[in-house]
Amino acid sequence: MTQQMVRPPSGPSPEQPSRAAGTLALPALVALVVGSMIGSGIFALPSQMAGSAAPGPLLIGWLITGVGMLMLAFVFQTLSRRKPEVDGGVYGYARAGFGNYLGFTSAWGYWISAWIGNVGYLVLLMSTLGYFIPAFEGGNTVAAVAFASVVLWVLHWLTTRGVHNAAFVNTLVTIAKIVPIVTFIAIAAVGFKAGIFTADVWGDNQGLGTTLDQVKNMMLVTVWVFIGIEGASVYSQRAAKRSDVGRATVIGFVGVLGLLLAVNLLSYGLMSQAKIAGLDDPSMAGLMRHEVGAWGTGFISAGLAISLLGALLSWVLLCVEILRLPAQEGVLPRQLGAENRYGAPSNALWLTNGCVQLMLLWTLVNDSTYTDLIYLATSLILLPYLWSALYQVKLAFTGETYGQHDNRTRDIVIGMVALAYAVWLVYAGGWEYVLVAGIFYLVGTALYVWARTQVRAEIFTAAERLVVAVVVALSIAGVIGLVQGFVSI
C-alpha cells in the first residue's frame, strides 16, 4: 500500500475536496453527539438490561463499557488533534490509516447501520404513539407505517433546507428530550429501595447464566445506547473550530453516561428484576406508572416521541454526511457528493431515505422486532470503531505526528484498550451479524469499483484484494446461512 494511496494530495483534486471554514459551534456539536446517543435506548434500557443481567454483573458490564467507550471518546479526541486535516471521522481515519477500500467499508458500514437504526426508531416511535392512537399499536400496522412514512419525508424536507438549519433544530430538540429523563431520575431517586436492589445481586435465582454470560449479554445493548459518540468527528469538516470536535465528543459522552447509569441502576431499586424484565417498551414508562400512576406513562411516552424525532434528525444528518465526503474523495460515486443550493447532499439524502422507506414497507410483512433491527445496526458499526482505534495505535507506534520528546505511552495505552474493547464487542455481537455484514459490504463494493473507475484510479491494491476475498467469503457463508435458516435478519 503506497504512501500516496494512504495520504492523498493536500490540494483540490477529484479525490480530495478543498476545505472551507465550518459553521457548527461547540454547542451544536455537543448536541449532535448527545442527540445521536439519546434516542430510544435509554427509555427501553431498564427492561433490556433486567432481561440480561442482575445488579452485580450489570455493574461489571457498565464498568467495562464505561472504560471502553471513554477510551473510544479519547481516541476520537486524540485523532481530531493529531490529524486535523482528516475529515469524516470513522471514514476518514480508516482511509488515512489503511487505504481507500477500508475507508469505504467504514463509511458504508456506518451508513447502513445508521439508516437501519432509523427504521428501528420509526417503528418504536409509532409503537409509542400507539399509547395515544390505538391504530399505531405495535409500530408496524398499515396506519403506523403510513404515518411513519410521513414523518420520514418531513425530516427529509427539513434536511434539504441545509445542514446548519437542521443542526439548530436538533439542538432545541436535544434540550427538550432530556427533561423527561431527568424527571424520571429524580422520581426514581426518591423511590429507590436498597432492599429491592440487593435481593438477588448476582442473579443466582433468575436463570441468567454465569456472571460472564450476563456481562456478555448486556454488552450489545450498551453499545447501542452509546452509538453516536463519533457524531462530532463525522462533522469535523463543518466545525467552526477543529479543537471543538474532541471537546464535544468527551463532553457529550460524559453527560450521556451519567444519565444512563442513573436510569439503569435506580430502576433496580424500584421493582424486582423479573418484573422489570417483563415490562413492555418503553419500560421507563412502566416504572413511572409504578411510582406515580397513569400520568407517568403518558409523560414518558411523550418524552420518548420527542427523543425519537430528535434522534431521527441527528441520524439523517449523519447518514448523508458519511456518504458526502467519500463521494467527494473518489471512494463512493461522485453523484452522492452533489449538494443542493442549501449545501445539503441531496442525492445522498434521497438514497438514504429511500432505503428507510423500503425497509419500513418490509416491516409490514416481516416479524423482525425493534430489538432485531438495533442489534443488526449495532453490529455494522463495530468495524468502523475498530479501525479508528487501530489507527490511533498505528500513529502512536510509528510516531507519525509526534515530536521527539512527545510521550506516546498514554496514546498507545488508550488505543490498545479501545481496540481490545472493539474486538470484544465484535465477539459479543455474535458471528451471525458478522456474516450479514459481509453481504452488505459485498453489495456496496460494486459502488466502490464504480467510484474508482470514475476518478480513473487504481481499484484495489494487493492488500485490499485480500480484504475483498474475506468479504466475499463472509458473504457466501451469510447467504448459505440465510437459505438454511441458521442466520436471520
Protein backbone atom coordinates (compact mmCIF):
# COMPACT_ATOMS: atom_id res chain seq x y z
CA MET A 1 0.00 0.00 0.00
CA THR A 2 1.71 3.16 -1.17
CA GLN A 3 2.04 6.34 0.81
CA GLN A 4 0.17 8.17 -1.92
CA MET A 5 -2.82 5.88 -1.51
CA VAL A 6 -2.91 6.39 2.25
CA ARG A 7 -2.33 10.14 2.27
CA PRO A 8 -3.97 11.88 -0.67
CA PRO A 9 -2.50 15.14 -2.02
CA SER A 10 -3.41 18.18 0.04
CA GLY A 11 -4.59 20.27 -2.90
CA PRO A 12 -8.00 20.03 -4.51
CA SER A 13 -8.47 17.03 -6.76
CA PRO A 14 -11.20 14.60 -7.74
CA GLU A 15 -10.30 12.61 -4.62
CA GLN A 16 -9.69 15.46 -2.18
CA PRO A 17 -12.06 18.43 -1.97
CA SER A 18 -10.86 21.81 -0.77
CA ARG A 19 -11.78 22.56 2.84
CA ALA A 20 -13.80 25.60 3.79
CA ALA A 21 -14.41 27.03 7.23
CA GLY A 22 -17.28 25.31 9.02
CA THR A 23 -20.20 26.88 10.85
CA LEU A 24 -21.07 24.43 13.64
CA ALA A 25 -20.00 25.77 17.04
CA LEU A 26 -19.28 23.70 20.17
CA PRO A 27 -22.89 23.66 21.49
CA ALA A 28 -24.21 22.39 18.15
CA LEU A 29 -21.51 19.70 18.03
CA VAL A 30 -22.27 18.60 21.60
CA ALA A 31 -25.97 18.48 20.69
CA LEU A 32 -25.15 16.27 17.69
CA VAL A 33 -23.31 13.84 19.97
CA VAL A 34 -25.97 13.86 22.71
CA GLY A 35 -28.85 13.91 20.22
CA SER A 36 -27.40 10.93 18.36
CA MET A 37 -26.74 8.94 21.54
CA ILE A 38 -30.04 9.66 23.31
CA GLY A 39 -32.73 8.17 21.14
CA SER A 40 -34.77 5.17 22.14
CA GLY A 41 -32.19 3.16 24.05
CA ILE A 42 -32.30 4.96 27.37
CA PHE A 43 -36.12 4.69 27.55
CA ALA A 44 -36.04 0.92 26.92
CA LEU A 45 -32.88 0.35 28.96
CA PRO A 46 -34.39 -0.92 32.26
CA SER A 47 -36.19 -3.97 30.79
CA GLN A 48 -33.48 -4.79 28.24
CA MET A 49 -30.84 -4.85 30.97
CA ALA A 50 -33.04 -6.67 33.50
CA GLY A 51 -33.56 -9.45 30.98
CA SER A 52 -29.79 -9.87 30.58
CA ALA A 53 -28.07 -9.24 33.92
CA ALA A 54 -28.53 -8.92 37.68
CA PRO A 55 -27.20 -5.83 39.51
CA GLY A 56 -23.73 -7.32 40.21
CA PRO A 57 -22.89 -8.37 36.63
CA LEU A 58 -24.60 -5.19 35.47
CA LEU A 59 -22.13 -3.05 37.43
CA ILE A 60 -19.21 -5.05 36.00
CA GLY A 61 -20.59 -4.63 32.49
CA TRP A 62 -21.08 -0.89 32.92
CA LEU A 63 -17.54 -0.58 34.25
CA ILE A 64 -16.20 -2.31 31.13
CA THR A 65 -18.48 -0.28 28.89
CA GLY A 66 -17.66 2.99 30.60
CA VAL A 67 -13.91 2.45 30.33
CA GLY A 68 -14.13 1.09 26.78
CA MET A 69 -16.33 3.87 25.46
CA LEU A 70 -14.33 6.52 27.32
CA MET A 71 -11.22 5.21 25.57
CA LEU A 72 -13.05 5.43 22.24
CA ALA A 73 -14.05 9.01 23.09
CA PHE A 74 -10.40 9.76 23.83
CA VAL A 75 -9.45 8.10 20.52
CA PHE A 76 -11.70 10.47 18.58
CA GLN A 77 -10.44 13.40 20.64
CA THR A 78 -6.78 12.48 20.08
CA LEU A 79 -7.21 11.82 16.35
CA SER A 80 -9.02 15.13 15.87
CA ARG A 81 -5.98 16.82 17.43
CA ARG A 82 -3.27 14.71 15.77
CA LYS A 83 -4.92 14.61 12.34
CA PRO A 84 -6.97 17.82 11.99
CA GLU A 85 -6.70 17.59 8.21
CA VAL A 86 -8.59 14.27 8.12
CA ASP A 87 -12.32 14.76 7.66
CA GLY A 88 -15.22 12.37 8.14
CA GLY A 89 -14.45 10.71 11.46
CA VAL A 90 -14.64 6.93 11.30
CA TYR A 91 -14.42 7.02 7.49
CA GLY A 92 -11.54 9.46 7.31
CA TYR A 93 -9.44 7.68 9.93
CA ALA A 94 -9.89 4.26 8.31
CA ARG A 95 -8.93 5.66 4.89
CA ALA A 96 -5.95 7.67 6.13
CA GLY A 97 -4.59 4.73 8.08
CA PHE A 98 -5.34 1.73 5.90
CA GLY A 99 -6.25 2.83 2.38
CA ASN A 100 -9.25 3.61 0.25
CA TYR A 101 -11.09 0.29 0.43
CA LEU A 102 -11.07 0.03 4.23
CA GLY A 103 -12.13 3.66 4.30
CA PHE A 104 -15.02 2.68 2.08
CA THR A 105 -16.01 -0.27 4.31
CA SER A 106 -16.02 2.03 7.33
CA ALA A 107 -18.25 4.62 5.63
CA TRP A 108 -20.52 2.01 4.07
CA GLY A 109 -20.97 0.01 7.29
CA TYR A 110 -21.63 3.19 9.24
CA TRP A 111 -24.19 4.40 6.70
CA ILE A 112 -26.10 1.10 6.65
CA SER A 113 -26.02 0.95 10.44
CA ALA A 114 -27.41 4.48 10.63
CA TRP A 115 -30.35 4.10 8.27
CA ILE A 116 -31.32 0.66 9.62
CA GLY A 117 -31.26 2.24 13.06
CA ASN A 118 -33.61 4.92 11.74
CA VAL A 119 -36.07 2.23 10.69
CA GLY A 120 -35.94 0.90 14.25
CA TYR A 121 -36.54 4.41 15.60
CA LEU A 122 -39.58 4.91 13.36
CA VAL A 123 -41.08 1.55 14.35
CA LEU A 124 -40.64 2.34 18.05
CA LEU A 125 -41.96 5.88 17.54
CA MET A 126 -45.17 4.51 16.06
CA SER A 127 -45.41 1.89 18.81
CA THR A 128 -45.03 4.66 21.40
CA LEU A 129 -47.71 6.77 19.73
CA GLY A 130 -49.89 3.66 19.98
CA TYR A 131 -50.39 4.65 23.64
CA PHE A 132 -52.35 7.65 22.33
CA ILE A 133 -53.51 6.26 18.93
CA PRO A 134 -54.54 2.58 19.11
CA ALA A 135 -54.24 2.15 15.31
CA PHE A 136 -50.44 2.54 15.67
CA GLU A 137 -50.08 -0.12 18.37
CA GLY A 138 -47.16 -2.45 17.62
CA GLY A 139 -45.44 0.04 15.33
CA ASN A 140 -45.79 -1.90 12.08
CA THR A 141 -49.51 -1.73 11.26
CA VAL A 142 -50.57 -0.23 7.92
CA ALA A 143 -51.60 3.00 9.65
CA ALA A 144 -48.34 3.15 11.62
CA VAL A 145 -46.15 2.60 8.55
CA ALA A 146 -48.15 5.20 6.60
CA PHE A 147 -47.68 7.83 9.32
CA ALA A 148 -44.02 6.85 9.80
CA SER A 149 -43.52 7.50 6.09
CA VAL A 150 -44.99 10.98 6.50
CA VAL A 151 -42.59 11.68 9.40
CA LEU A 152 -39.67 10.39 7.34
CA TRP A 153 -40.34 12.70 4.40
CA VAL A 154 -40.95 15.72 6.61
CA LEU A 155 -37.50 15.16 8.10
CA HIS A 156 -36.19 14.70 4.56
CA TRP A 157 -37.57 18.09 3.59
CA LEU A 158 -36.10 19.74 6.69
CA THR A 159 -32.65 18.33 5.93
CA THR A 160 -32.79 19.52 2.31
CA ARG A 161 -33.05 23.08 3.66
CA GLY A 162 -29.46 22.84 4.86
CA VAL A 163 -27.40 21.01 7.46
CA HIS A 164 -26.87 24.10 9.61
CA ASN A 165 -30.62 24.78 10.00
CA ALA A 166 -31.28 21.11 10.76
CA ALA A 167 -28.49 21.13 13.36
CA PHE A 168 -30.10 24.15 15.06
CA VAL A 169 -33.44 22.33 15.29
CA ASN A 170 -31.59 19.28 16.64
CA THR A 171 -30.09 21.40 19.43
CA LEU A 172 -33.55 22.55 20.56
CA VAL A 173 -34.99 19.02 20.43
CA THR A 174 -32.00 17.61 22.35
CA ILE A 175 -32.65 20.02 25.22
CA ALA A 176 -36.36 19.15 25.22
CA LYS A 177 -35.88 15.38 25.36
CA ILE A 178 -33.53 15.48 28.35
CA VAL A 179 -36.30 16.90 30.56
CA PRO A 180 -38.36 13.67 30.97
CA ILE A 181 -35.19 11.66 31.59
CA VAL A 182 -34.04 13.97 34.37
CA THR A 183 -37.59 13.92 35.81
CA PHE A 184 -37.56 10.11 35.90
CA ILE A 185 -34.14 10.09 37.61
CA ALA A 186 -35.39 12.47 40.31
CA ILE A 187 -38.52 10.40 41.00
CA ALA A 188 -36.56 7.13 40.95
CA ALA A 189 -34.00 8.51 43.41
CA VAL A 190 -36.80 9.34 45.87
CA GLY A 191 -38.49 5.93 45.45
CA PHE A 192 -35.29 3.84 45.45
CA LYS A 193 -35.31 0.90 47.92
CA ALA A 194 -31.96 -0.71 48.73
CA GLY A 195 -33.64 -3.98 49.75
CA ILE A 196 -35.06 -4.49 46.27
CA PHE A 197 -31.70 -3.67 44.67
CA THR A 198 -29.78 -6.20 46.80
CA ALA A 199 -32.40 -9.01 46.78
CA ASP A 200 -30.50 -11.11 44.18
CA VAL A 201 -27.31 -9.23 43.34
CA TRP A 202 -25.70 -11.94 41.18
CA GLY A 203 -28.81 -13.38 39.54
CA ASP A 204 -28.49 -16.80 41.16
CA ASN A 205 -32.25 -17.32 41.09
CA GLN A 206 -33.04 -15.74 37.73
CA GLY A 207 -31.64 -18.34 35.30
CA LEU A 208 -29.45 -15.73 33.58
CA GLY A 209 -26.31 -17.87 33.41
CA THR A 210 -22.88 -17.20 34.81
CA THR A 211 -21.58 -13.75 35.63
CA LEU A 212 -19.56 -13.78 32.39
CA ASP A 213 -22.65 -14.76 30.39
CA GLN A 214 -24.63 -11.92 31.94
CA VAL A 215 -21.88 -9.39 31.25
CA LYS A 216 -21.59 -10.55 27.63
CA ASN A 217 -25.36 -10.49 27.09
CA MET A 218 -25.71 -6.89 28.19
CA MET A 219 -22.77 -5.60 26.12
CA LEU A 220 -24.51 -5.19 22.76
CA VAL A 221 -27.30 -3.22 24.41
CA THR A 222 -24.76 -0.83 25.94
CA VAL A 223 -23.13 -0.30 22.54
CA TRP A 224 -26.49 0.68 21.04
CA VAL A 225 -27.09 3.37 23.65
CA PHE A 226 -23.63 4.83 23.03
CA ILE A 227 -23.73 4.83 19.23
CA GLY A 228 -23.36 8.46 18.18
CA ILE A 229 -20.27 9.10 20.26
CA GLU A 230 -18.45 9.73 16.97
CA GLY A 231 -21.06 12.25 15.75
CA ALA A 232 -18.89 15.35 16.17
CA SER A 233 -15.92 13.75 14.38
CA VAL A 234 -18.11 12.82 11.41
CA TYR A 235 -18.95 16.53 11.15
CA SER A 236 -15.35 17.68 11.60
CA GLN A 237 -15.31 19.44 8.22
CA ARG A 238 -18.30 21.58 9.23
CA ALA A 239 -16.95 22.51 12.69
CA ALA A 240 -16.19 26.19 13.24
CA LYS A 241 -13.10 25.15 15.26
CA ARG A 242 -11.42 21.76 14.84
CA SER A 243 -10.47 21.72 18.52
CA ASP A 244 -14.17 21.70 19.39
CA VAL A 245 -14.59 18.25 17.81
CA GLY A 246 -12.67 16.46 20.57
CA ARG A 247 -14.24 18.57 23.31
CA ALA A 248 -17.76 17.88 22.06
CA THR A 249 -17.08 14.13 21.95
CA VAL A 250 -15.90 13.90 25.56
CA ILE A 251 -18.50 16.34 26.95
CA GLY A 252 -21.32 14.50 25.21
CA PHE A 253 -20.07 11.08 26.33
CA VAL A 254 -19.67 12.00 30.00
CA GLY A 255 -23.11 13.63 30.15
CA VAL A 256 -24.89 10.70 28.50
CA LEU A 257 -23.00 8.13 30.60
CA GLY A 258 -24.22 9.84 33.76
CA LEU A 259 -27.84 9.72 32.56
CA LEU A 260 -27.61 6.07 31.50
CA LEU A 261 -26.08 4.90 34.77
CA ALA A 262 -28.65 6.78 36.84
CA VAL A 263 -31.62 5.41 34.85
CA ASN A 264 -30.36 1.83 34.81
CA LEU A 265 -29.16 1.45 38.40
CA LEU A 266 -32.02 3.33 40.05
CA SER A 267 -34.53 1.15 38.20
CA TYR A 268 -33.28 -1.94 40.07
CA GLY A 269 -34.36 -0.28 43.31
CA LEU A 270 -37.95 0.34 42.19
CA MET A 271 -39.16 -3.13 41.15
CA SER A 272 -37.80 -6.67 41.21
CA GLN A 273 -35.59 -7.66 38.31
CA ALA A 274 -38.12 -10.18 36.97
CA LYS A 275 -40.90 -7.59 36.92
CA ILE A 276 -38.70 -5.01 35.18
CA ALA A 277 -37.73 -7.58 32.54
CA GLY A 278 -41.43 -8.21 31.85
CA LEU A 279 -42.33 -4.56 31.25
CA ASP A 280 -43.38 -3.50 27.76
CA ASP A 281 -41.23 -0.95 25.93
CA PRO A 282 -40.64 1.78 26.75
CA SER A 283 -40.01 0.18 30.14
CA MET A 284 -39.19 3.55 31.70
CA ALA A 285 -42.89 4.38 31.25
CA GLY A 286 -43.90 1.24 33.18
CA LEU A 287 -41.60 2.19 36.04
CA MET A 288 -43.01 5.73 36.11
CA ARG A 289 -46.54 4.30 36.24
CA HIS A 290 -45.47 2.14 39.18
CA GLU A 291 -44.12 5.18 41.03
CA VAL A 292 -46.56 8.00 40.23
CA GLY A 293 -49.60 6.49 38.49
CA ALA A 294 -51.03 6.54 34.98
CA TRP A 295 -49.87 10.06 34.12
CA GLY A 296 -46.28 8.83 34.30
CA THR A 297 -46.82 6.53 31.30
CA GLY A 298 -48.13 9.36 29.16
CA PHE A 299 -45.36 11.69 30.29
CA ILE A 300 -42.58 9.26 29.39
CA SER A 301 -44.29 8.24 26.14
CA ALA A 302 -44.45 11.89 25.07
CA GLY A 303 -40.79 12.35 26.06
CA LEU A 304 -39.80 9.27 24.06
CA ALA A 305 -41.66 10.55 21.00
CA ILE A 306 -39.73 13.84 21.17
CA SER A 307 -36.49 11.95 21.77
CA LEU A 308 -37.05 9.68 18.79
CA LEU A 309 -37.82 12.60 16.49
CA GLY A 310 -34.61 14.28 17.60
CA ALA A 311 -32.57 11.11 17.17
CA LEU A 312 -34.06 10.57 13.71
CA LEU A 313 -33.00 14.06 12.67
CA SER A 314 -29.49 13.57 14.07
CA TRP A 315 -29.06 10.27 12.26
CA VAL A 316 -30.43 11.53 8.95
CA LEU A 317 -27.75 14.22 9.17
CA LEU A 318 -25.05 11.66 9.96
CA CYS A 319 -26.23 9.34 7.18
CA VAL A 320 -25.83 11.90 4.45
CA GLU A 321 -22.58 13.31 5.81
CA ILE A 322 -20.89 9.89 5.88
CA LEU A 323 -21.73 9.49 2.16
CA ARG A 324 -20.84 13.04 1.09
CA LEU A 325 -17.15 13.00 1.92
CA PRO A 326 -16.28 9.59 0.40
CA ALA A 327 -18.13 10.66 -2.74
CA GLN A 328 -16.04 13.82 -2.96
CA GLU A 329 -12.83 11.83 -2.43
CA GLY A 330 -13.38 9.16 -5.09
CA VAL A 331 -14.34 6.36 -2.70
CA LEU A 332 -18.08 6.40 -3.50
CA PRO A 333 -19.71 7.55 -6.76
CA ARG A 334 -19.37 11.31 -7.17
CA GLN A 335 -23.14 11.70 -7.59
CA LEU A 336 -23.58 11.04 -3.85
CA GLY A 337 -21.50 14.12 -3.04
CA ALA A 338 -23.64 16.54 -5.04
CA GLU A 339 -25.11 19.35 -2.92
CA ASN A 340 -28.20 21.46 -3.49
CA ARG A 341 -28.30 25.26 -3.20
CA TYR A 342 -28.64 24.96 0.58
CA GLY A 343 -25.44 22.90 0.91
CA ALA A 344 -27.29 19.64 1.66
CA PRO A 345 -26.12 16.44 -0.08
CA SER A 346 -29.43 15.86 -1.86
CA ASN A 347 -28.62 12.65 -3.75
CA ALA A 348 -27.22 11.01 -0.61
CA LEU A 349 -30.36 12.12 1.22
CA TRP A 350 -32.70 10.59 -1.38
CA LEU A 351 -30.76 7.31 -1.35
CA THR A 352 -30.76 7.13 2.45
CA ASN A 353 -34.43 7.86 2.99
CA GLY A 354 -35.42 5.72 0.02
CA CYS A 355 -33.77 2.76 1.74
CA VAL A 356 -35.52 3.61 5.01
CA GLN A 357 -38.86 3.76 3.19
CA LEU A 358 -38.35 0.36 1.58
CA MET A 359 -37.39 -1.19 4.92
CA LEU A 360 -40.46 0.35 6.55
CA LEU A 361 -42.65 -1.38 3.97
CA TRP A 362 -40.72 -4.59 4.64
CA THR A 363 -41.69 -4.45 8.32
CA LEU A 364 -45.33 -4.88 7.27
CA VAL A 365 -44.68 -8.48 6.25
CA ASN A 366 -41.73 -9.37 8.49
CA ASP A 367 -41.75 -10.36 12.14
CA SER A 368 -38.43 -8.65 12.94
CA THR A 369 -38.76 -6.54 16.06
CA TYR A 370 -37.23 -3.23 17.07
CA THR A 371 -34.62 -5.19 19.03
CA ASP A 372 -33.61 -7.23 15.96
CA LEU A 373 -33.13 -4.03 13.97
CA ILE A 374 -30.96 -2.36 16.60
CA TYR A 375 -28.78 -5.46 17.03
CA LEU A 376 -28.14 -5.53 13.28
CA ALA A 377 -27.44 -1.79 13.23
CA THR A 378 -25.09 -2.12 16.19
CA SER A 379 -23.09 -4.96 14.63
CA LEU A 380 -22.49 -2.96 11.45
CA ILE A 381 -20.96 -0.03 13.31
CA LEU A 382 -18.42 -2.09 15.27
CA LEU A 383 -15.81 -2.32 12.49
CA PRO A 384 -15.70 1.47 11.95
CA TYR A 385 -14.97 1.83 15.67
CA LEU A 386 -12.29 -0.84 15.44
CA TRP A 387 -10.48 0.86 12.52
CA SER A 388 -10.42 4.20 14.37
CA ALA A 389 -8.86 2.63 17.47
CA LEU A 390 -6.35 0.75 15.33
CA TYR A 391 -5.39 3.97 13.55
CA GLN A 392 -4.51 5.65 16.85
CA VAL A 393 -2.38 2.63 17.80
CA LYS A 394 -0.64 2.84 14.42
CA LEU A 395 0.12 6.57 14.79
CA ALA A 396 1.43 6.14 18.32
CA PHE A 397 3.67 3.19 17.45
CA THR A 398 5.09 4.73 14.25
CA GLY A 399 5.50 8.16 15.82
CA GLU A 400 3.73 9.96 12.98
CA THR A 401 2.62 13.46 14.11
CA TYR A 402 4.67 13.06 17.34
CA GLY A 403 7.70 15.16 18.23
CA GLN A 404 10.93 13.69 19.51
CA HIS A 405 10.10 14.48 23.12
CA ASP A 406 6.36 13.70 22.99
CA ASN A 407 5.19 10.96 25.32
CA ARG A 408 3.43 8.34 23.21
CA THR A 409 2.77 5.88 26.05
CA ARG A 410 -0.60 7.39 27.00
CA ASP A 411 -1.93 7.25 23.46
CA ILE A 412 -0.67 3.69 22.98
CA VAL A 413 -2.46 2.55 26.16
CA ILE A 414 -5.69 4.36 25.24
CA GLY A 415 -5.59 3.00 21.71
CA MET A 416 -4.90 -0.58 22.83
CA VAL A 417 -7.71 -0.53 25.42
CA ALA A 418 -10.14 0.91 22.85
CA LEU A 419 -9.02 -1.68 20.31
CA ALA A 420 -9.46 -4.55 22.77
CA TYR A 421 -12.92 -3.24 23.63
CA ALA A 422 -13.90 -3.05 19.94
CA VAL A 423 -12.70 -6.63 19.35
CA TRP A 424 -14.66 -7.80 22.39
CA LEU A 425 -17.79 -6.12 21.02
CA VAL A 426 -17.46 -7.92 17.70
CA TYR A 427 -17.22 -11.19 19.65
CA ALA A 428 -20.12 -10.30 21.94
CA GLY A 429 -22.27 -9.33 18.96
CA GLY A 430 -22.19 -12.85 17.53
CA TRP A 431 -20.87 -14.32 14.30
CA GLU A 432 -24.32 -14.28 12.63
CA TYR A 433 -24.24 -10.50 12.39
CA VAL A 434 -20.69 -10.57 11.01
CA LEU A 435 -21.89 -12.80 8.16
CA VAL A 436 -24.81 -10.49 7.42
CA ALA A 437 -22.43 -7.51 7.47
CA GLY A 438 -20.28 -9.30 4.87
CA ILE A 439 -23.27 -9.40 2.49
CA PHE A 440 -23.86 -5.67 2.89
CA TYR A 441 -20.17 -4.90 2.33
CA LEU A 442 -20.05 -7.01 -0.83
CA VAL A 443 -23.09 -5.26 -2.30
CA GLY A 444 -21.50 -1.89 -1.58
CA THR A 445 -18.19 -2.92 -3.16
CA ALA A 446 -19.84 -2.51 -6.58
CA LEU A 447 -20.29 1.19 -5.79
CA TYR A 448 -16.66 1.41 -4.70
CA VAL A 449 -15.49 -0.07 -8.01
CA TRP A 450 -17.71 2.41 -9.88
CA ALA A 451 -16.25 5.32 -7.90
CA ARG A 452 -12.63 4.30 -8.52
CA THR A 453 -13.43 3.96 -12.23
CA GLN A 454 -14.90 7.47 -12.28
CA VAL A 455 -11.66 9.01 -10.99
CA ARG A 456 -9.51 6.63 -13.11
CA ALA A 457 -7.63 5.41 -10.06
CA GLU A 458 -6.34 2.00 -9.06
CA ILE A 459 -9.31 -0.03 -7.82
CA PHE A 460 -7.64 -2.43 -5.39
CA THR A 461 -4.11 -2.70 -4.06
CA ALA A 462 -2.67 -6.16 -3.41
CA ALA A 463 -3.53 -5.90 0.29
CA GLU A 464 -7.06 -4.72 -0.49
CA ARG A 465 -7.64 -7.73 -2.73
CA LEU A 466 -7.12 -9.93 0.33
CA VAL A 467 -9.70 -7.89 2.25
CA VAL A 468 -12.17 -8.24 -0.63
CA ALA A 469 -11.60 -12.02 -0.62
CA VAL A 470 -12.52 -12.11 3.08
CA VAL A 471 -15.66 -10.07 2.38
CA VAL A 472 -16.64 -12.47 -0.42
CA ALA A 473 -16.12 -15.49 1.85
CA LEU A 474 -18.23 -13.93 4.62
CA SER A 475 -20.95 -13.08 2.09
CA ILE A 476 -21.10 -16.63 0.75
CA ALA A 477 -21.34 -18.01 4.28
CA GLY A 478 -24.02 -15.41 5.09
CA VAL A 479 -26.14 -16.30 2.06
CA ILE A 480 -25.86 -20.01 2.86
CA GLY A 481 -26.89 -19.24 6.44
CA LEU A 482 -29.92 -17.24 5.32
CA VAL A 483 -31.01 -20.00 2.96
CA GLN A 484 -30.56 -22.75 5.53
CA GLY A 485 -32.06 -20.72 8.35
CA PHE A 486 -29.21 -20.53 10.85
CA VAL A 487 -28.77 -16.82 10.06
CA SER A 488 -31.69 -14.42 10.06
CA ILE A 489 -32.33 -10.69 9.71
